[in-house]
Amino acid sequence: MIPVAAGQQTPVYYRPGATGRMLGAIGPTPPRWPGLVWMRITSVITTALIAWALFAVLITILD
């Protein structure tokens, strides 16, 4: 909640969540992206698993 006196204005900043299932953030200053760390971690893990699988396939083919 952002307190504002009657007749006054204040800027309000909003950022949506990183995915549709994550909640957004609102405040008087620009908030950080909710869920961005989670998205980065899952992207790194997914990329590592795909690279590992491709490496395993390549080793199997060359063996």
N, C-alpha and C. Protein backbone atom coordinates (compact mmCIF):
# COMPACT_ATOMS: atom_id res chain seq x y z
N MET A 1 0.84 -1.18 0.00
CA MET A 1 0.00 0.00 0.00
C MET A 1 0.89 1.24 0.00
N ILE A 2 0.52 2.20 -0.82
CA ILE A 2 1.29 3.43 -0.94
C ILE A 2 0.41 4.57 -0.44
N PRO A 3 0.78 5.18 0.68
CA PRO A 3 -0.06 6.27 1.21
C PRO A 3 0.08 7.55 0.37
N VAL A 4 -1.06 8.12 0.03
CA VAL A 4 -1.10 9.38 -0.73
C VAL A 4 -2.19 10.24 -0.11
N ALA A 5 -1.85 11.50 0.17
CA ALA A 5 -2.84 12.42 0.73
C ALA A 5 -3.84 12.84 -0.36
N ALA A 6 -4.98 13.28 0.05
CA ALA A 6 -6.03 13.70 -0.88
C ALA A 6 -5.52 14.82 -1.78
N GLY A 7 -5.72 14.69 -3.09
CA GLY A 7 -5.31 15.71 -4.05
C GLY A 7 -3.87 15.61 -4.50
N GLN A 8 -3.10 14.69 -3.97
CA GLN A 8 -1.70 14.54 -4.36
C GLN A 8 -1.54 13.33 -5.27
N GLN A 9 -0.43 13.33 -6.00
CA GLN A 9 -0.13 12.22 -6.89
C GLN A 9 1.25 11.66 -6.55
N THR A 10 1.44 10.41 -6.82
CA THR A 10 2.75 9.78 -6.65
C THR A 10 2.92 8.73 -7.74
N PRO A 11 4.12 8.60 -8.27
CA PRO A 11 4.33 7.56 -9.28
C PRO A 11 4.33 6.18 -8.62
N VAL A 12 3.73 5.24 -9.29
CA VAL A 12 3.69 3.86 -8.82
C VAL A 12 4.27 2.98 -9.92
N TYR A 13 5.17 2.09 -9.54
CA TYR A 13 5.84 1.22 -10.51
C TYR A 13 5.35 -0.21 -10.33
N TYR A 14 5.18 -0.89 -11.45
CA TYR A 14 4.71 -2.27 -11.42
C TYR A 14 5.58 -3.12 -12.34
N ARG A 15 5.92 -4.30 -11.89
CA ARG A 15 6.62 -5.27 -12.73
C ARG A 15 5.89 -6.60 -12.64
N PRO A 16 5.57 -7.19 -13.78
CA PRO A 16 4.90 -8.50 -13.75
C PRO A 16 5.90 -9.59 -13.37
N GLY A 17 5.39 -10.73 -12.98
CA GLY A 17 6.25 -11.86 -12.66
C GLY A 17 6.95 -12.38 -13.90
N ALA A 18 7.98 -13.17 -13.70
CA ALA A 18 8.75 -13.70 -14.84
C ALA A 18 7.93 -14.65 -15.68
N THR A 19 6.96 -15.32 -15.08
CA THR A 19 6.05 -16.19 -15.82
C THR A 19 4.62 -15.82 -15.45
N GLY A 20 3.68 -16.40 -16.15
CA GLY A 20 2.29 -16.09 -15.88
C GLY A 20 1.80 -16.58 -14.53
N ARG A 21 2.50 -17.54 -13.94
CA ARG A 21 2.08 -18.09 -12.66
C ARG A 21 2.67 -17.35 -11.46
N MET A 22 3.61 -16.46 -11.69
CA MET A 22 4.25 -15.74 -10.59
C MET A 22 3.57 -14.38 -10.40
N LEU A 23 3.50 -13.97 -9.16
CA LEU A 23 2.88 -12.69 -8.84
C LEU A 23 3.79 -11.53 -9.25
N GLY A 24 3.20 -10.40 -9.52
CA GLY A 24 3.96 -9.20 -9.85
C GLY A 24 4.35 -8.44 -8.59
N ALA A 25 5.02 -7.32 -8.78
CA ALA A 25 5.45 -6.48 -7.66
C ALA A 25 5.07 -5.04 -7.97
N ILE A 26 4.64 -4.32 -6.96
CA ILE A 26 4.25 -2.93 -7.11
C ILE A 26 4.83 -2.13 -5.96
N GLY A 27 5.23 -0.89 -6.23
CA GLY A 27 5.80 -0.07 -5.17
C GLY A 27 6.13 1.33 -5.64
N PRO A 28 6.58 2.18 -4.70
CA PRO A 28 6.91 3.57 -5.04
C PRO A 28 8.23 3.69 -5.79
N THR A 29 9.06 2.66 -5.76
CA THR A 29 10.31 2.62 -6.53
C THR A 29 10.24 1.40 -7.46
N PRO A 30 10.97 1.40 -8.56
CA PRO A 30 10.92 0.25 -9.45
C PRO A 30 11.38 -1.02 -8.73
N PRO A 31 10.50 -2.01 -8.59
CA PRO A 31 10.88 -3.25 -7.91
C PRO A 31 11.69 -4.17 -8.81
N ARG A 32 12.34 -5.17 -8.19
CA ARG A 32 13.07 -6.18 -8.96
C ARG A 32 12.06 -7.09 -9.64
N TRP A 33 12.51 -7.81 -10.67
CA TRP A 33 11.64 -8.74 -11.38
C TRP A 33 11.35 -9.95 -10.50
N PRO A 34 10.11 -10.16 -10.11
CA PRO A 34 9.78 -11.34 -9.32
C PRO A 34 9.97 -12.62 -10.14
N GLY A 35 10.71 -13.57 -9.58
CA GLY A 35 10.91 -14.85 -10.24
C GLY A 35 12.06 -14.89 -11.23
N LEU A 36 12.81 -13.82 -11.39
CA LEU A 36 13.87 -13.81 -12.38
C LEU A 36 15.00 -14.76 -12.00
N VAL A 37 15.34 -14.83 -10.71
CA VAL A 37 16.40 -15.74 -10.27
C VAL A 37 15.98 -17.19 -10.54
N TRP A 38 14.73 -17.51 -10.26
CA TRP A 38 14.21 -18.85 -10.51
C TRP A 38 14.31 -19.19 -12.01
N MET A 39 13.96 -18.26 -12.86
CA MET A 39 14.04 -18.50 -14.30
C MET A 39 15.48 -18.72 -14.74
N ARG A 40 16.42 -17.97 -14.19
CA ARG A 40 17.82 -18.14 -14.56
C ARG A 40 18.35 -19.50 -14.11
N ILE A 41 18.01 -19.89 -12.89
CA ILE A 41 18.49 -21.18 -12.38
C ILE A 41 17.94 -22.33 -13.22
N THR A 42 16.64 -22.31 -13.51
CA THR A 42 16.06 -23.39 -14.30
C THR A 42 16.59 -23.40 -15.73
N SER A 43 16.89 -22.25 -16.28
CA SER A 43 17.47 -22.19 -17.63
C SER A 43 18.86 -22.80 -17.66
N VAL A 44 19.67 -22.51 -16.66
CA VAL A 44 21.02 -23.07 -16.60
C VAL A 44 20.97 -24.58 -16.43
N ILE A 45 20.10 -25.06 -15.54
CA ILE A 45 19.98 -26.50 -15.32
C ILE A 45 19.49 -27.21 -16.59
N THR A 46 18.49 -26.64 -17.25
CA THR A 46 17.97 -27.23 -18.48
C THR A 46 19.04 -27.27 -19.57
N THR A 47 19.77 -26.20 -19.74
CA THR A 47 20.84 -26.14 -20.74
C THR A 47 21.92 -27.17 -20.43
N ALA A 48 22.29 -27.31 -19.16
CA ALA A 48 23.31 -28.29 -18.78
C ALA A 48 22.83 -29.71 -19.06
N LEU A 49 21.58 -30.01 -18.78
CA LEU A 49 21.06 -31.36 -19.04
C LEU A 49 21.02 -31.67 -20.53
N ILE A 50 20.63 -30.70 -21.34
CA ILE A 50 20.60 -30.91 -22.79
C ILE A 50 22.01 -31.11 -23.33
N ALA A 51 22.97 -30.31 -22.85
CA ALA A 51 24.36 -30.46 -23.29
C ALA A 51 24.90 -31.83 -22.88
N TRP A 52 24.59 -32.26 -21.67
CA TRP A 52 25.04 -33.57 -21.20
C TRP A 52 24.45 -34.69 -22.06
N ALA A 53 23.16 -34.59 -22.39
CA ALA A 53 22.51 -35.60 -23.22
C ALA A 53 23.12 -35.65 -24.62
N LEU A 54 23.38 -34.49 -25.22
CA LEU A 54 24.00 -34.46 -26.55
C LEU A 54 25.42 -35.02 -26.51
N PHE A 55 26.15 -34.73 -25.45
CA PHE A 55 27.49 -35.27 -25.29
C PHE A 55 27.44 -36.80 -25.17
N ALA A 56 26.47 -37.32 -24.41
CA ALA A 56 26.33 -38.76 -24.26
C ALA A 56 26.00 -39.42 -25.60
N VAL A 57 25.14 -38.81 -26.38
CA VAL A 57 24.80 -39.34 -27.70
C VAL A 57 26.03 -39.32 -28.60
N LEU A 58 26.79 -38.25 -28.57
CA LEU A 58 27.99 -38.14 -29.40
C LEU A 58 29.01 -39.20 -29.01
N ILE A 59 29.23 -39.41 -27.73
CA ILE A 59 30.17 -40.42 -27.27
C ILE A 59 29.71 -41.82 -27.69
N THR A 60 28.40 -42.06 -27.62
CA THR A 60 27.85 -43.35 -28.01
C THR A 60 28.03 -43.60 -29.51
N ILE A 61 27.82 -42.58 -30.31
CA ILE A 61 27.98 -42.72 -31.77
C ILE A 61 29.43 -42.97 -32.14
N LEU A 62 30.36 -42.27 -31.50
CA LEU A 62 31.77 -42.40 -31.84
C LEU A 62 32.42 -43.65 -31.25
N ASP A 63 31.76 -44.30 -30.33
CA ASP A 63 32.34 -45.47 -29.68
C ASP A 63 32.28 -46.68 -30.51
